[in-house]
Amino acid sequence: MLAEGLSGSEEAFAESMNKLAKAMGMRDTNFRNSTGYPDPDHYSTARDLAILAKRSVDDHPEYYKMYAEREYTYNNIRQGNRNPLLYKSLGVDGLKTGHTEAAGYGLVASASREGGRRITMVLNGLPSIKVRASESERLLDWAYREFENYTLFKAGDTVDNVDVWLGNAKSVALVAGAPLTATLPRKARREMRVTEFYDTPINAPIRKGDTLARLVITAPGVDPIELPLIAGADVERLGAFGRLGAAMSYLVFGSGR
């Protein structure tokens, strides 16, 4: 009823869901209805469901808290939350369970522990409610035990300084445009590598906030993590005589501004 009221039909509502899913980066998801009932062309992936879960936590905190309710009563009927992890001291505050004959028993869960560190996990294909409960608890404990968040840079931190060509400053600071926290296996931390990629020298003019480079973090068994590096200040282009002087300096001394 809600889908029909919002979009005119359930099919039209599903199309709106698909558009939003693609905009959120859920590349391997297709909705055919608003209920989640089985359909040959209705599918998603663990990664996409994790994206959806994170957006639920980050974008809608005023509604997300409802996922932590253990029960409610409507029309004198008590409804209990089926998320087995809510009933244990694990820091879990959402999100949902699921089951179909084709997919088995599944769970999308999110927990916050240790100073606000949040982990979201997706399980599916489990054979029973009991196995879902035990495996989800085991996986959550493993994730907190074996992985750690490493804060490498805060937003606005200067990462490096690079040469500027034909500018009124010889160099410009490369600044972290956003905080960078890498989630890595504890054992992989010592083998982590941080590499900058940029064309040098960088030509003036430069505006503060321009993306000039990218930082790539690699570690064994982890997908590369990238962070854009932006200009920390404006650098104006030299006038005609200044550019001529820089060019002459480069020709004579092999360096210039």
Protein backbone atom coordinates (compact mmCIF):
# COMPACT_ATOMS: atom_id res chain seq x y z
CA MET A 1 0.00 0.00 0.00
CA LEU A 2 2.80 2.38 0.82
CA ALA A 3 4.58 1.60 -2.48
CA GLU A 4 1.39 2.18 -4.47
CA GLY A 5 0.63 5.35 -2.56
CA LEU A 6 4.09 6.80 -3.23
CA SER A 7 4.63 5.68 -6.83
CA GLY A 8 1.29 4.58 -8.21
CA SER A 9 2.25 0.92 -8.41
CA GLU A 10 4.63 -1.52 -6.79
CA GLU A 11 6.49 -1.91 -10.09
CA ALA A 12 7.08 1.86 -10.34
CA PHE A 13 8.24 1.94 -6.73
CA ALA A 14 10.71 -0.88 -7.42
CA GLU A 15 12.15 1.15 -10.31
CA SER A 16 12.65 4.09 -7.94
CA MET A 17 14.41 1.72 -5.56
CA ASN A 18 16.71 0.59 -8.37
CA LYS A 19 17.63 4.17 -9.30
CA LEU A 20 18.50 5.02 -5.72
CA ALA A 21 20.43 1.77 -5.28
CA LYS A 22 22.60 2.54 -8.32
CA ALA A 23 23.20 6.09 -7.07
CA MET A 24 24.40 4.61 -3.77
CA GLY A 25 26.89 2.33 -5.53
CA MET A 26 24.87 -0.90 -5.26
CA ARG A 27 25.96 -2.16 -8.68
CA ASP A 28 24.81 -5.78 -8.34
CA THR A 29 21.28 -5.26 -7.03
CA ASN A 30 17.91 -5.35 -8.78
CA PHE A 31 14.55 -4.90 -7.09
CA ARG A 32 11.28 -6.23 -8.50
CA ASN A 33 9.00 -5.58 -5.56
CA SER A 34 8.81 -3.70 -2.26
CA THR A 35 8.50 -6.77 -0.04
CA GLY A 36 11.59 -8.82 -0.83
CA TYR A 37 9.47 -11.81 -1.82
CA PRO A 38 11.33 -14.21 -4.15
CA ASP A 39 11.45 -13.29 -7.82
CA PRO A 40 13.90 -14.60 -10.47
CA ASP A 41 14.97 -11.04 -11.21
CA HIS A 42 15.06 -9.79 -7.61
CA TYR A 43 18.59 -10.09 -6.18
CA SER A 44 21.44 -8.41 -4.33
CA THR A 45 24.90 -9.19 -2.93
CA ALA A 46 26.50 -9.14 0.50
CA ARG A 47 28.56 -6.10 -0.48
CA ASP A 48 25.53 -4.18 -1.71
CA LEU A 49 23.56 -4.98 1.42
CA ALA A 50 26.51 -3.73 3.49
CA ILE A 51 26.40 -0.45 1.53
CA LEU A 52 22.67 -0.15 2.23
CA ALA A 53 23.19 -0.92 5.91
CA LYS A 54 25.92 1.72 6.27
CA ARG A 55 23.75 4.34 4.59
CA SER A 56 20.90 3.45 6.96
CA VAL A 57 23.20 4.03 9.94
CA ASP A 58 24.83 7.21 8.62
CA ASP A 59 21.95 8.93 6.83
CA HIS A 60 18.99 8.18 9.07
CA PRO A 61 20.05 8.08 12.74
CA GLU A 62 16.59 9.23 13.82
CA TYR A 63 15.07 6.09 12.30
CA TYR A 64 17.99 3.70 12.74
CA LYS A 65 17.45 3.52 16.50
CA MET A 66 14.22 1.62 15.82
CA TYR A 67 16.25 -1.42 14.71
CA ALA A 68 17.45 -1.86 18.30
CA GLU A 69 13.94 -2.28 19.71
CA ARG A 70 13.67 -5.81 21.04
CA GLU A 71 9.88 -5.92 20.95
CA TYR A 72 6.69 -3.94 20.53
CA THR A 73 3.00 -4.64 21.00
CA TYR A 74 0.33 -3.71 18.47
CA ASN A 75 -3.33 -4.66 18.64
CA ASN A 76 -2.52 -6.65 21.79
CA ILE A 77 -0.07 -8.80 19.82
CA ARG A 78 3.54 -8.85 21.02
CA GLN A 79 6.13 -8.83 18.24
CA GLY A 80 9.69 -9.82 19.14
CA ASN A 81 12.75 -8.73 17.17
CA ARG A 82 14.24 -11.76 15.38
CA ASN A 83 17.81 -10.41 15.42
CA PRO A 84 19.51 -12.89 17.78
CA LEU A 85 22.46 -10.59 18.50
CA LEU A 86 20.31 -7.90 20.15
CA TYR A 87 19.80 -10.14 23.16
CA LYS A 88 23.50 -10.41 23.98
CA SER A 89 26.06 -7.86 25.19
CA LEU A 90 27.75 -7.49 21.82
CA GLY A 91 27.09 -3.83 21.00
CA VAL A 92 24.66 -4.78 18.21
CA ASP A 93 21.93 -2.25 17.40
CA GLY A 94 20.52 -3.50 14.04
CA LEU A 95 19.54 -4.38 11.40
CA LYS A 96 17.44 -7.26 10.03
CA THR A 97 17.03 -10.97 9.50
CA GLY A 98 15.84 -12.69 6.36
CA HIS A 99 14.85 -16.10 5.04
CA THR A 100 13.71 -17.62 1.76
CA GLU A 101 13.75 -21.20 0.58
CA ALA A 102 16.30 -20.35 -2.11
CA ALA A 103 18.61 -18.14 -0.03
CA GLY A 104 18.41 -19.81 3.36
CA TYR A 105 18.71 -17.85 6.61
CA GLY A 106 20.47 -14.49 6.54
CA LEU A 107 21.33 -11.55 8.76
CA VAL A 108 22.48 -7.98 8.24
CA ALA A 109 23.91 -6.75 11.56
CA SER A 110 25.75 -3.70 12.79
CA ALA A 111 27.54 -3.18 16.09
CA SER A 112 29.35 -0.32 17.80
CA ARG A 113 32.10 -1.04 20.33
CA GLU A 114 35.43 0.26 21.61
CA GLY A 115 34.99 4.00 21.49
CA GLY A 116 32.40 4.02 18.72
CA ARG A 117 34.12 1.67 16.30
CA ARG A 118 31.36 0.22 14.12
CA ILE A 119 31.37 -3.04 12.18
CA THR A 120 28.64 -4.06 9.74
CA MET A 121 28.35 -7.65 8.52
CA VAL A 122 26.17 -9.60 6.11
CA LEU A 123 25.56 -13.35 6.26
CA ASN A 124 23.37 -15.51 4.06
CA GLY A 125 22.79 -19.11 3.03
CA LEU A 126 22.77 -20.52 6.55
CA PRO A 127 20.74 -23.70 7.19
CA SER A 128 18.84 -22.77 10.34
CA ILE A 129 17.98 -20.05 12.85
CA LYS A 130 20.32 -21.66 15.38
CA VAL A 131 23.30 -21.68 13.00
CA ARG A 132 22.54 -18.08 11.99
CA ALA A 133 22.74 -17.00 15.63
CA SER A 134 26.00 -18.84 16.40
CA GLU A 135 27.81 -17.98 13.17
CA SER A 136 26.90 -14.30 13.30
CA GLU A 137 28.22 -13.97 16.85
CA ARG A 138 31.41 -15.82 15.92
CA LEU A 139 31.99 -13.65 12.84
CA LEU A 140 31.41 -10.42 14.76
CA ASP A 141 33.88 -11.37 17.49
CA TRP A 142 36.44 -12.40 14.85
CA ALA A 143 36.12 -9.06 13.04
CA TYR A 144 36.72 -7.06 16.21
CA ARG A 145 39.59 -9.32 17.26
CA GLU A 146 41.50 -9.56 13.98
CA PHE A 147 40.97 -6.10 12.44
CA GLU A 148 41.80 -2.60 13.62
CA ASN A 149 41.18 0.95 12.43
CA TYR A 150 44.38 2.95 11.81
CA THR A 151 43.96 6.72 11.53
CA LEU A 152 46.61 7.89 9.07
CA PHE A 153 45.57 11.48 8.41
CA LYS A 154 42.99 13.92 9.66
CA ALA A 155 41.18 16.29 7.30
CA GLY A 156 43.47 19.25 6.61
CA ASP A 157 46.73 17.45 7.50
CA THR A 158 49.65 18.29 5.22
CA VAL A 159 50.87 15.08 3.62
CA ASP A 160 53.62 16.50 1.40
CA ASN A 161 54.84 19.57 -0.50
CA VAL A 162 55.26 19.47 -4.29
CA ASP A 163 57.01 21.74 -6.77
CA VAL A 164 54.98 24.29 -8.73
CA TRP A 165 55.94 25.40 -12.23
CA LEU A 166 55.54 29.07 -13.19
CA GLY A 167 53.83 30.04 -9.97
CA ASN A 168 54.34 32.83 -7.45
CA ALA A 169 55.31 30.12 -4.92
CA LYS A 170 57.90 27.42 -5.46
CA SER A 171 55.74 24.71 -3.91
CA VAL A 172 52.28 23.95 -2.60
CA ALA A 173 51.14 21.74 0.24
CA LEU A 174 49.25 18.54 -0.54
CA VAL A 175 46.52 18.29 2.07
CA ALA A 176 44.21 15.44 3.05
CA GLY A 177 40.79 16.45 1.80
CA ALA A 178 39.07 14.07 4.22
CA PRO A 179 40.09 12.01 7.24
CA LEU A 180 41.70 8.73 6.27
CA THR A 181 41.19 5.71 8.49
CA ALA A 182 42.32 2.37 7.07
CA THR A 183 40.74 -0.84 8.37
CA LEU A 184 43.38 -3.55 8.17
CA PRO A 185 44.13 -6.98 9.60
CA ARG A 186 46.36 -6.46 12.61
CA LYS A 187 48.99 -8.76 11.07
CA ALA A 188 49.09 -6.69 7.86
CA ARG A 189 49.79 -3.36 9.60
CA ARG A 190 53.58 -3.71 9.53
CA GLU A 191 53.52 -4.37 5.77
CA MET A 192 51.32 -1.41 4.92
CA ARG A 193 52.67 0.91 2.18
CA VAL A 194 51.60 4.51 1.48
CA THR A 195 52.36 5.92 -1.98
CA GLU A 196 51.64 9.29 -3.60
CA PHE A 197 50.81 9.65 -7.28
CA TYR A 198 50.96 13.02 -9.08
CA ASP A 199 52.45 14.71 -12.12
CA THR A 200 55.42 16.93 -11.33
CA PRO A 201 55.97 19.79 -11.50
CA ILE A 202 52.39 21.00 -11.08
CA ASN A 203 51.51 23.96 -13.27
CA ALA A 204 50.15 27.22 -11.85
CA PRO A 205 47.57 28.63 -11.39
CA ILE A 206 46.33 26.47 -8.53
CA ARG A 207 43.25 27.05 -6.43
CA LYS A 208 42.99 25.96 -2.82
CA GLY A 209 40.97 22.74 -2.79
CA ASP A 210 42.01 21.59 -6.28
CA THR A 211 42.68 17.86 -6.43
CA LEU A 212 46.38 17.52 -7.30
CA ALA A 213 47.31 13.98 -6.30
CA ARG A 214 46.10 10.74 -4.79
CA LEU A 215 47.38 8.71 -1.90
CA VAL A 216 47.21 4.91 -2.21
CA ILE A 217 47.48 2.60 0.80
CA THR A 218 48.25 -1.06 0.17
CA ALA A 219 48.65 -4.05 2.46
CA PRO A 220 48.64 -7.83 1.94
CA GLY A 221 45.16 -9.23 1.39
CA VAL A 222 43.44 -5.83 1.34
CA ASP A 223 42.02 -3.88 -1.58
CA PRO A 224 43.96 -0.63 -2.21
CA ILE A 225 42.58 2.38 -0.34
CA GLU A 226 42.73 5.77 -2.08
CA LEU A 227 42.56 9.32 -0.71
CA PRO A 228 42.53 12.45 -2.88
CA LEU A 229 45.09 15.08 -1.94
CA ILE A 230 44.12 18.70 -2.48
CA ALA A 231 45.98 21.99 -2.70
CA GLY A 232 46.41 23.68 0.65
CA ALA A 233 46.67 27.20 -0.79
CA ASP A 234 46.22 29.32 -3.89
CA VAL A 235 49.23 29.69 -6.18
CA GLU A 236 48.93 32.37 -8.83
CA ARG A 237 50.56 32.11 -12.24
CA LEU A 238 53.55 34.40 -12.79
CA GLY A 239 53.22 37.29 -15.20
CA ALA A 240 54.91 37.33 -18.60
CA PHE A 241 58.26 38.61 -17.30
CA GLY A 242 58.20 36.22 -14.35
CA ARG A 243 57.55 33.28 -16.64
CA LEU A 244 60.37 34.40 -18.93
CA GLY A 245 62.75 34.62 -15.97
CA ALA A 246 61.74 31.16 -14.76
CA ALA A 247 62.27 29.70 -18.22
CA MET A 248 65.74 31.30 -18.47
CA SER A 249 66.63 30.03 -15.00
CA TYR A 250 65.59 26.54 -16.03
CA LEU A 251 67.69 26.68 -19.20
CA VAL A 252 70.76 28.01 -17.42
CA PHE A 253 70.61 26.32 -14.03
CA GLY A 254 68.21 23.43 -14.62
CA SER A 255 65.71 24.71 -12.11
CA GLY A 256 63.02 27.33 -12.04
CA ARG A 257 59.82 28.45 -10.43
